[in-house]
Amino acid sequence: MRILVINNGIWPSGAQISTNEFIESLADRAELRILTCYQERFLTKVPALTYRLPCKSVGALLIMKTDRTVEKLVEWADIAWIATGEFALASRIKRIKTLPIVAHLHSYEFLCPFMHLAYSLKEVCNDSCTISKVVKCKFGSETHLITLGAKTLPHGLISLGPGIVWTSLYYAKWRKIITESFNSTDGFIAISRILYELHTQYLYNFKEKPLEVIYNLAIEPLKNIKPSSHEPYGDYVLYASGSNPVKGPHILLEAWREVSREFRDLKLYMIGCRGSWVEKLAKKMSLRNVASFGRLSSDKYYRLMYRARAVVMPSIWPEPFGRIPVEANRLGVPAVVSSAGGLPETIVDGATGYIFKANDVNDLAEKVMKVLERDFDREEIIVHSYERINPQREVEKLIKFFESVISHDRGV
């Protein structure tokens, strides 16, 4: 099977790391050739021909230009795999050749021009996207950011007016690109059951095309750490989702008030929050033992995760998947996750961690303390983690899905 992988490689996101893991796992199972961007910095290195193209962002979408070399790669391939959101390329590929195309859904680009599907950054959008809803959402989001302290009042007001005008203009372009992309794509991969359900709920047309749930592998930590059942846990809880408000760092800080009263010597480490509104909020709240970090190298990051007493992911948006709790479980570290989106699918509640009600500060504090009071066994967490999401099983599902889309295209 000859797979044309389309992967921008620009951002060090969870989607990019997950795509790299799949590419590495496919390298000895199929012939790969890769289309990426000139700006690429985070693409994995595999023995495959890699061609770089000019790319530009249009809101949440990425546009790749095509040329004669792209045409040759399309002619060569049995299938094109749009791996990290370059959906606009689908219609251009179809003009070159009737090639089966599979799009990997890591987020909500087909449902929401902002991707996060969190209305005003407070609740999951519960109906289809319209221009009036988008404008109201933009206004609500900016207001919410100002209230949290994530934006200053002048900054929020300045971005609000032009932001709403830009959003209105962008909406029409987004709608056109997404419609063309959907019509040109032959199959879709959702990285969680909730992502599958939301797409089929909002866009009825998704039911007309193959749509498979294939979980991310989340095996990157094992390149840096060889877990040992004898490794003791450290004296800190880890938050590793950065300063984006939809990740819920402010919810965790509120819960930490209660946790730090009961566990006075315990620390909270917050990665990706140094110098941000989150660090300022922690100081304003006079919280005990909270330390903020900037971006860390993979080795430092996973070693910090490995020694943590627990990892917390308190997202308020419908998280499409959630690599962090799976990675923690791979290392034998329990995770506390919110009930938002696909996070409940990533752990075994009560065995590899706990699920709390999204946005519920008291429930979060209770579940964090429940983890801290329990004597977890690393080996048991690791075993349950692989039973929950087995990398080999997911790779096989991916290959079979590619084969089924190819066969359907050929009328087999």
Protein backbone atom coordinates (compact mmCIF):
# COMPACT_ATOMS: atom_id res chain seq x y z
CA MET A 1 0.00 0.00 0.00
CA ARG A 2 1.35 3.40 -1.05
CA ILE A 3 0.28 6.16 1.33
CA LEU A 4 0.68 9.87 0.63
CA VAL A 5 0.90 11.43 4.11
CA ILE A 6 -0.12 15.10 4.31
CA ASN A 7 1.22 16.55 7.55
CA ASN A 8 2.13 20.20 8.13
CA GLY A 9 4.69 19.56 10.91
CA ILE A 10 4.53 23.20 12.04
CA TRP A 11 3.16 23.11 15.59
CA PRO A 12 4.41 20.95 18.52
CA SER A 13 0.85 19.91 19.29
CA GLY A 14 -0.65 16.69 20.59
CA ALA A 15 -2.00 16.07 17.08
CA GLN A 16 1.51 16.35 15.62
CA ILE A 17 3.05 14.02 18.21
CA SER A 18 0.25 11.50 17.63
CA THR A 19 0.70 11.68 13.86
CA ASN A 20 4.44 11.13 14.24
CA GLU A 21 3.75 7.99 16.28
CA PHE A 22 1.45 6.61 13.58
CA ILE A 23 3.95 7.44 10.81
CA GLU A 24 6.73 5.65 12.68
CA SER A 25 4.46 2.63 13.24
CA LEU A 26 3.49 2.51 9.55
CA ALA A 27 7.03 2.94 8.19
CA ASP A 28 7.71 -0.80 7.89
CA ARG A 29 4.13 -1.72 6.95
CA ALA A 30 3.57 0.51 3.91
CA GLU A 31 5.33 2.74 1.38
CA LEU A 32 5.16 6.32 2.62
CA ARG A 33 5.75 9.65 0.94
CA ILE A 34 5.15 12.85 2.87
CA LEU A 35 3.87 16.30 1.91
CA THR A 36 4.69 18.92 4.52
CA CYS A 37 5.30 22.67 4.88
CA TYR A 38 8.46 24.71 4.35
CA GLN A 39 8.06 25.84 7.98
CA GLU A 40 8.06 22.21 9.20
CA ARG A 41 10.01 21.71 12.45
CA PHE A 42 8.27 18.86 14.25
CA LEU A 43 7.86 16.12 11.66
CA THR A 44 9.31 12.76 12.65
CA LYS A 45 12.31 11.47 10.72
CA VAL A 46 11.51 8.28 8.81
CA PRO A 47 13.09 6.84 5.61
CA ALA A 48 10.46 8.32 3.28
CA LEU A 49 10.59 10.87 0.48
CA THR A 50 9.51 14.20 1.98
CA TYR A 51 8.42 17.17 -0.14
CA ARG A 52 7.96 20.65 1.36
CA LEU A 53 5.36 23.15 0.16
CA PRO A 54 4.46 26.78 0.86
CA CYS A 55 1.68 26.87 3.48
CA LYS A 56 -0.48 29.59 4.98
CA SER A 57 -3.04 29.66 7.78
CA VAL A 58 -6.61 30.78 7.16
CA GLY A 59 -8.10 30.88 10.64
CA ALA A 60 -8.10 27.34 11.99
CA LEU A 61 -7.36 25.87 8.56
CA LEU A 62 -4.05 25.39 6.78
CA ILE A 63 -3.76 25.91 3.02
CA MET A 64 -1.05 24.09 1.02
CA LYS A 65 -0.12 25.11 -2.51
CA THR A 66 0.27 22.44 -5.18
CA ASP A 67 2.71 22.04 -8.08
CA ARG A 68 3.89 19.43 -10.59
CA THR A 69 5.73 17.42 -7.92
CA VAL A 70 2.53 17.17 -5.88
CA GLU A 71 0.74 15.90 -8.99
CA LYS A 72 3.35 13.14 -9.40
CA LEU A 73 2.99 12.13 -5.74
CA VAL A 74 -0.79 11.96 -6.11
CA GLU A 75 -0.41 9.83 -9.24
CA TRP A 76 1.95 7.51 -7.31
CA ALA A 77 -0.28 6.96 -4.28
CA ASP A 78 -3.00 4.40 -3.52
CA ILE A 79 -4.48 6.67 -0.86
CA ALA A 80 -3.96 10.16 0.61
CA TRP A 81 -4.03 10.55 4.38
CA ILE A 82 -4.68 14.12 5.57
CA ALA A 83 -3.11 13.64 8.96
CA THR A 84 -3.11 17.00 10.75
CA GLY A 85 -5.78 19.32 9.40
CA GLU A 86 -4.75 20.21 5.83
CA PHE A 87 -8.32 19.47 4.69
CA ALA A 88 -8.40 22.17 2.02
CA LEU A 89 -5.97 20.10 -0.07
CA ALA A 90 -8.59 17.36 -0.59
CA SER A 91 -10.47 19.11 -3.39
CA ARG A 92 -7.20 19.93 -5.20
CA ILE A 93 -6.11 16.30 -5.03
CA LYS A 94 -9.40 15.19 -6.57
CA ARG A 95 -8.79 17.50 -9.54
CA ILE A 96 -5.50 15.66 -10.19
CA LYS A 97 -6.73 12.10 -9.70
CA THR A 98 -9.73 10.27 -8.28
CA LEU A 99 -7.62 9.19 -5.32
CA PRO A 100 -9.28 7.93 -2.13
CA ILE A 101 -8.70 10.41 0.70
CA VAL A 102 -8.90 9.83 4.45
CA ALA A 103 -8.98 12.79 6.86
CA HIS A 104 -7.85 12.43 10.47
CA LEU A 105 -10.09 14.46 12.80
CA HIS A 106 -8.05 15.70 15.77
CA SER A 107 -10.42 18.54 16.61
CA TYR A 108 -13.55 20.34 15.39
CA GLU A 109 -12.43 22.12 12.21
CA PHE A 110 -15.49 20.79 10.35
CA LEU A 111 -17.88 21.98 13.07
CA CYS A 112 -16.50 25.26 14.37
CA PRO A 113 -14.32 27.98 12.79
CA PHE A 114 -12.58 28.40 16.18
CA MET A 115 -12.03 24.60 16.50
CA HIS A 116 -12.68 24.47 20.24
CA LEU A 117 -16.51 23.98 20.04
CA ALA A 118 -16.82 25.64 23.45
CA TYR A 119 -19.46 28.36 23.27
CA SER A 120 -18.01 31.56 24.81
CA LEU A 121 -15.33 29.29 26.34
CA LYS A 122 -17.90 28.15 28.91
CA GLU A 123 -20.04 25.33 27.51
CA VAL A 124 -20.09 22.83 24.67
CA CYS A 125 -21.89 24.16 21.60
CA ASN A 126 -25.12 22.19 21.30
CA ASP A 127 -26.36 23.06 17.82
CA SER A 128 -25.06 23.79 14.33
CA CYS A 129 -22.79 26.73 13.55
CA THR A 130 -24.31 29.96 12.19
CA ILE A 131 -22.85 33.42 11.58
CA SER A 132 -24.89 34.99 14.41
CA LYS A 133 -23.83 32.25 16.83
CA VAL A 134 -20.18 32.70 15.84
CA VAL A 135 -20.32 36.47 16.48
CA LYS A 136 -22.02 35.98 19.86
CA CYS A 137 -19.47 33.30 20.75
CA LYS A 138 -16.59 35.62 19.86
CA PHE A 139 -18.05 38.36 22.05
CA GLY A 140 -18.65 35.93 24.93
CA SER A 141 -15.15 34.46 24.60
CA GLU A 142 -13.43 37.86 24.77
CA THR A 143 -15.57 38.88 27.76
CA HIS A 144 -14.73 35.62 29.53
CA LEU A 145 -11.00 36.08 28.91
CA ILE A 146 -11.13 39.59 30.38
CA THR A 147 -13.02 38.34 33.43
CA LEU A 148 -10.46 35.58 34.03
CA GLY A 149 -7.54 37.97 33.64
CA ALA A 150 -6.25 36.13 30.59
CA LYS A 151 -6.59 39.43 28.71
CA THR A 152 -6.45 43.00 29.97
CA LEU A 153 -9.55 45.14 29.45
CA PRO A 154 -7.87 47.40 26.82
CA HIS A 155 -6.47 44.39 24.95
CA GLY A 156 -9.82 42.62 25.05
CA LEU A 157 -11.72 45.66 23.79
CA ILE A 158 -9.21 46.31 21.01
CA SER A 159 -9.41 42.72 19.75
CA LEU A 160 -13.18 42.52 20.19
CA GLY A 161 -14.28 44.96 17.46
CA PRO A 162 -11.85 43.92 14.69
CA GLY A 163 -12.14 40.32 15.86
CA ILE A 164 -15.89 40.23 15.29
CA VAL A 165 -15.51 41.85 11.84
CA TRP A 166 -12.77 39.35 10.89
CA THR A 167 -14.85 36.46 12.26
CA SER A 168 -17.83 37.48 10.12
CA LEU A 169 -15.70 37.63 6.97
CA TYR A 170 -13.83 34.42 7.79
CA TYR A 171 -17.02 32.45 8.47
CA ALA A 172 -18.06 32.46 4.80
CA LYS A 173 -14.61 31.36 3.65
CA TRP A 174 -14.45 28.64 6.31
CA ARG A 175 -17.86 27.34 5.28
CA LYS A 176 -16.84 27.14 1.60
CA ILE A 177 -13.52 25.39 2.29
CA ILE A 178 -15.07 22.91 4.71
CA THR A 179 -17.91 22.01 2.34
CA GLU A 180 -15.49 21.38 -0.54
CA SER A 181 -13.16 19.40 1.73
CA PHE A 182 -15.96 17.21 3.07
CA ASN A 183 -17.29 16.45 -0.41
CA SER A 184 -13.79 15.50 -1.61
CA THR A 185 -12.95 13.21 1.32
CA ASP A 186 -13.85 9.50 1.24
CA GLY A 187 -13.38 8.51 4.88
CA PHE A 188 -12.75 10.04 8.29
CA ILE A 189 -10.92 8.98 11.45
CA ALA A 190 -12.09 10.30 14.82
CA ILE A 191 -9.63 10.08 17.72
CA SER A 192 -12.37 9.44 20.29
CA ARG A 193 -15.94 8.22 20.54
CA ILE A 194 -17.16 11.69 21.58
CA LEU A 195 -15.54 13.24 18.50
CA TYR A 196 -17.38 10.67 16.39
CA GLU A 197 -20.69 11.41 18.12
CA LEU A 198 -20.40 15.20 17.89
CA HIS A 199 -19.59 15.10 14.17
CA THR A 200 -22.49 12.78 13.35
CA GLN A 201 -24.78 14.83 15.61
CA TYR A 202 -24.03 18.25 14.08
CA LEU A 203 -23.39 17.24 10.47
CA TYR A 204 -25.79 14.55 9.33
CA ASN A 205 -23.73 14.05 6.15
CA PHE A 206 -20.98 12.44 8.22
CA LYS A 207 -23.22 9.39 8.51
CA GLU A 208 -22.99 8.94 4.75
CA LYS A 209 -19.23 8.32 4.76
CA PRO A 210 -16.99 5.83 6.58
CA LEU A 211 -16.03 7.22 10.00
CA GLU A 212 -13.83 5.09 12.28
CA VAL A 213 -12.78 5.69 15.89
CA ILE A 214 -9.02 5.11 16.21
CA TYR A 215 -7.34 6.24 19.42
CA ASN A 216 -3.96 7.96 19.48
CA LEU A 217 -1.09 5.65 20.46
CA ALA A 218 0.46 7.86 23.19
CA ILE A 219 3.77 5.97 23.31
CA GLU A 220 6.11 8.97 23.07
CA PRO A 221 7.07 8.88 26.82
CA LEU A 222 8.63 5.45 26.37
CA LYS A 223 11.35 6.97 24.17
CA ASN A 224 12.58 8.81 27.25
CA ILE A 225 11.56 6.64 30.20
CA LYS A 226 11.65 2.93 30.93
CA PRO A 227 9.04 2.64 33.71
CA SER A 228 9.93 0.67 36.83
CA SER A 229 7.39 -0.55 39.38
CA HIS A 230 9.94 0.32 42.09
CA GLU A 231 10.22 4.02 41.17
CA PRO A 232 8.72 6.10 44.02
CA TYR A 233 6.30 8.93 43.36
CA GLY A 234 7.43 12.51 44.03
CA ASP A 235 5.91 15.22 46.23
CA TYR A 236 4.05 17.16 43.54
CA VAL A 237 0.99 17.10 41.30
CA LEU A 238 1.54 17.96 37.64
CA TYR A 239 -0.55 20.12 35.32
CA ALA A 240 0.86 20.13 31.78
CA SER A 241 -1.76 21.76 29.54
CA GLY A 242 -0.46 25.34 29.40
CA SER A 243 -2.21 28.67 29.90
CA ASN A 244 -5.13 28.31 27.46
CA PRO A 245 -8.31 28.97 29.52
CA VAL A 246 -10.19 26.09 27.84
CA LYS A 247 -7.71 23.74 29.54
CA GLY A 248 -9.08 24.85 32.91
CA PRO A 249 -5.95 25.98 34.81
CA HIS A 250 -8.08 28.45 36.82
CA ILE A 251 -10.38 25.59 37.87
CA LEU A 252 -7.37 23.69 39.19
CA LEU A 253 -6.07 26.73 41.09
CA GLU A 254 -9.45 27.13 42.80
CA ALA A 255 -9.40 23.44 43.76
CA TRP A 256 -5.81 23.75 44.99
CA ARG A 257 -7.00 26.00 47.83
CA GLU A 258 -8.69 22.99 49.41
CA VAL A 259 -6.05 20.43 48.44
CA SER A 260 -3.18 22.47 49.89
CA ARG A 261 -4.97 22.77 53.24
CA GLU A 262 -4.98 18.98 53.62
CA PHE A 263 -1.59 18.31 51.97
CA ARG A 264 0.50 21.26 53.12
CA ASP A 265 3.85 19.99 51.81
CA LEU A 266 2.55 18.96 48.39
CA LYS A 267 3.50 21.10 45.38
CA LEU A 268 1.62 21.92 42.20
CA TYR A 269 3.80 22.18 39.07
CA MET A 270 2.20 23.96 36.12
CA ILE A 271 3.96 23.53 32.76
CA GLY A 272 3.56 26.18 30.07
CA CYS A 273 2.31 28.81 32.52
CA ARG A 274 5.43 30.81 33.38
CA GLY A 275 4.89 34.53 32.82
CA SER A 276 1.23 34.00 31.92
CA TRP A 277 -2.06 35.10 33.46
CA VAL A 278 -2.16 31.71 35.23
CA GLU A 279 1.02 32.45 37.19
CA LYS A 280 -0.34 35.91 38.06
CA LEU A 281 -3.64 34.42 39.19
CA ALA A 282 -1.88 31.91 41.46
CA LYS A 283 0.04 34.75 43.12
CA LYS A 284 -3.10 36.87 43.43
CA MET A 285 -4.83 33.97 45.18
CA SER A 286 -1.82 33.56 47.54
CA LEU A 287 -1.75 29.82 46.93
CA ARG A 288 0.79 27.57 48.61
CA ASN A 289 3.49 25.66 46.76
CA VAL A 290 2.53 26.51 43.17
CA ALA A 291 5.42 26.64 40.68
CA SER A 292 5.12 27.63 37.01
CA PHE A 293 7.39 26.35 34.23
CA GLY A 294 7.93 27.37 30.63
CA ARG A 295 8.30 24.91 27.77
CA LEU A 296 10.47 21.91 28.67
CA SER A 297 12.49 19.49 26.55
CA SER A 298 10.85 16.09 26.01
CA ASP A 299 13.32 14.42 28.37
CA LYS A 300 12.72 16.90 31.23
CA TYR A 301 8.98 16.92 30.64
CA TYR A 302 8.53 13.15 30.78
CA ARG A 303 10.87 12.76 33.74
CA LEU A 304 8.80 15.34 35.61
CA MET A 305 5.64 13.42 34.65
CA TYR A 306 7.18 10.10 35.70
CA ARG A 307 7.87 11.26 39.26
CA ALA A 308 4.53 13.04 39.80
CA ARG A 309 2.07 11.83 42.43
CA ALA A 310 -0.67 12.52 39.91
CA VAL A 311 -1.33 14.36 36.65
CA VAL A 312 -4.41 16.60 36.35
CA MET A 313 -6.20 17.61 33.14
CA PRO A 314 -9.13 19.87 34.15
CA SER A 315 -10.32 20.92 30.67
CA ILE A 316 -13.61 22.78 30.29
CA TRP A 317 -13.87 22.41 26.49
CA PRO A 318 -14.84 19.04 24.93
CA GLU A 319 -11.27 17.70 24.71
CA PRO A 320 -11.12 15.62 21.47
CA PHE A 321 -8.88 13.06 23.16
CA GLY A 322 -6.31 14.00 25.80
CA ARG A 323 -2.79 12.60 25.37
CA ILE A 324 -1.56 13.76 28.76
CA PRO A 325 -3.51 11.32 30.96
CA VAL A 326 -2.70 8.41 28.65
CA GLU A 327 1.00 9.29 28.68
CA ALA A 328 0.90 9.52 32.48
CA ASN A 329 -0.76 6.11 32.71
CA ARG A 330 1.87 4.63 30.35
CA LEU A 331 4.41 5.64 33.00
CA GLY A 332 2.32 4.27 35.86
CA VAL A 333 1.15 7.69 37.09
CA PRO A 334 -2.54 8.15 38.00
CA ALA A 335 -4.51 10.90 36.25
CA VAL A 336 -7.44 13.07 37.29
CA VAL A 337 -9.45 14.25 34.28
CA SER A 338 -12.61 16.25 33.72
CA SER A 339 -15.74 14.76 32.20
CA ALA A 340 -15.44 17.06 29.18
CA GLY A 341 -15.15 15.55 25.72
CA GLY A 342 -13.00 12.48 25.18
CA LEU A 343 -11.09 12.62 28.47
CA PRO A 344 -13.22 9.93 30.19
CA GLU A 345 -12.23 7.57 27.36
CA THR A 346 -8.52 7.93 28.15
CA ILE A 347 -8.43 6.43 31.66
CA VAL A 348 -10.07 3.63 33.64
CA ASP A 349 -12.02 5.42 36.36
CA GLY A 350 -10.98 4.13 39.76
CA ALA A 351 -8.10 2.05 38.36
CA THR A 352 -5.79 4.48 36.54
CA GLY A 353 -7.20 7.67 38.03
CA TYR A 354 -10.49 9.48 38.53
CA ILE A 355 -12.99 11.50 36.51
CA PHE A 356 -14.49 14.68 37.97
CA LYS A 357 -17.43 16.72 36.76
CA ALA A 358 -16.15 19.42 34.39
CA ASN A 359 -16.09 22.92 35.89
CA ASP A 360 -16.85 21.55 39.37
CA VAL A 361 -14.12 22.87 41.68
CA ASN A 362 -15.26 20.87 44.71
CA ASP A 363 -15.41 17.60 42.80
CA LEU A 364 -11.95 18.24 41.36
CA ALA A 365 -10.50 18.89 44.82
CA GLU A 366 -12.16 15.73 46.12
CA LYS A 367 -10.80 13.55 43.29
CA VAL A 368 -7.26 14.95 43.59
CA MET A 369 -7.26 14.22 47.34
CA LYS A 370 -8.70 10.77 46.65
CA VAL A 371 -5.71 10.02 44.41
CA LEU A 372 -3.27 11.36 47.00
CA GLU A 373 -4.77 9.24 49.78
CA ARG A 374 -4.57 6.04 47.76
CA ASP A 375 -1.56 3.77 47.36
CA PHE A 376 -1.39 3.22 43.60
CA ASP A 377 0.70 0.50 41.98
CA ARG A 378 2.60 1.64 38.88
CA GLU A 379 2.53 -1.75 37.22
CA GLU A 380 -1.24 -2.11 37.60
CA ILE A 381 -1.82 1.33 36.09
CA ILE A 382 0.39 0.47 33.12
CA VAL A 383 -1.41 -2.84 32.52
CA HIS A 384 -4.84 -1.17 32.65
CA SER A 385 -3.59 1.60 30.34
CA TYR A 386 -2.66 -0.86 27.59
CA GLU A 387 -5.93 -2.73 28.02
CA ARG A 388 -7.76 0.57 27.57
CA ILE A 389 -5.79 1.82 24.55
CA ASN A 390 -3.55 -0.76 22.90
CA PRO A 391 -1.14 0.85 20.37
CA GLN A 392 -0.75 -2.26 18.23
CA ARG A 393 -4.52 -2.70 18.00
CA GLU A 394 -4.99 0.93 16.93
CA VAL A 395 -2.31 0.66 14.21
CA GLU A 396 -4.02 -2.44 12.82
CA LYS A 397 -7.35 -0.59 12.79
CA LEU A 398 -5.73 2.27 10.87
CA ILE A 399 -4.28 -0.05 8.21
CA LYS A 400 -7.56 -1.94 7.80
CA PHE A 401 -9.46 1.33 7.49
CA PHE A 402 -7.12 2.52 4.74
CA GLU A 403 -7.56 -0.80 2.95
CA SER A 404 -11.35 -0.65 3.22
CA VAL A 405 -11.49 2.90 1.79
CA ILE A 406 -9.22 1.86 -1.11
CA SER A 407 -11.37 -1.23 -1.80
CA HIS A 408 -14.57 0.81 -1.72
CA ASP A 409 -13.07 3.34 -4.14
CA ARG A 410 -12.14 0.50 -6.52
CA GLY A 411 -15.58 -1.05 -6.20
CA VAL A 412 -14.19 -4.21 -4.60
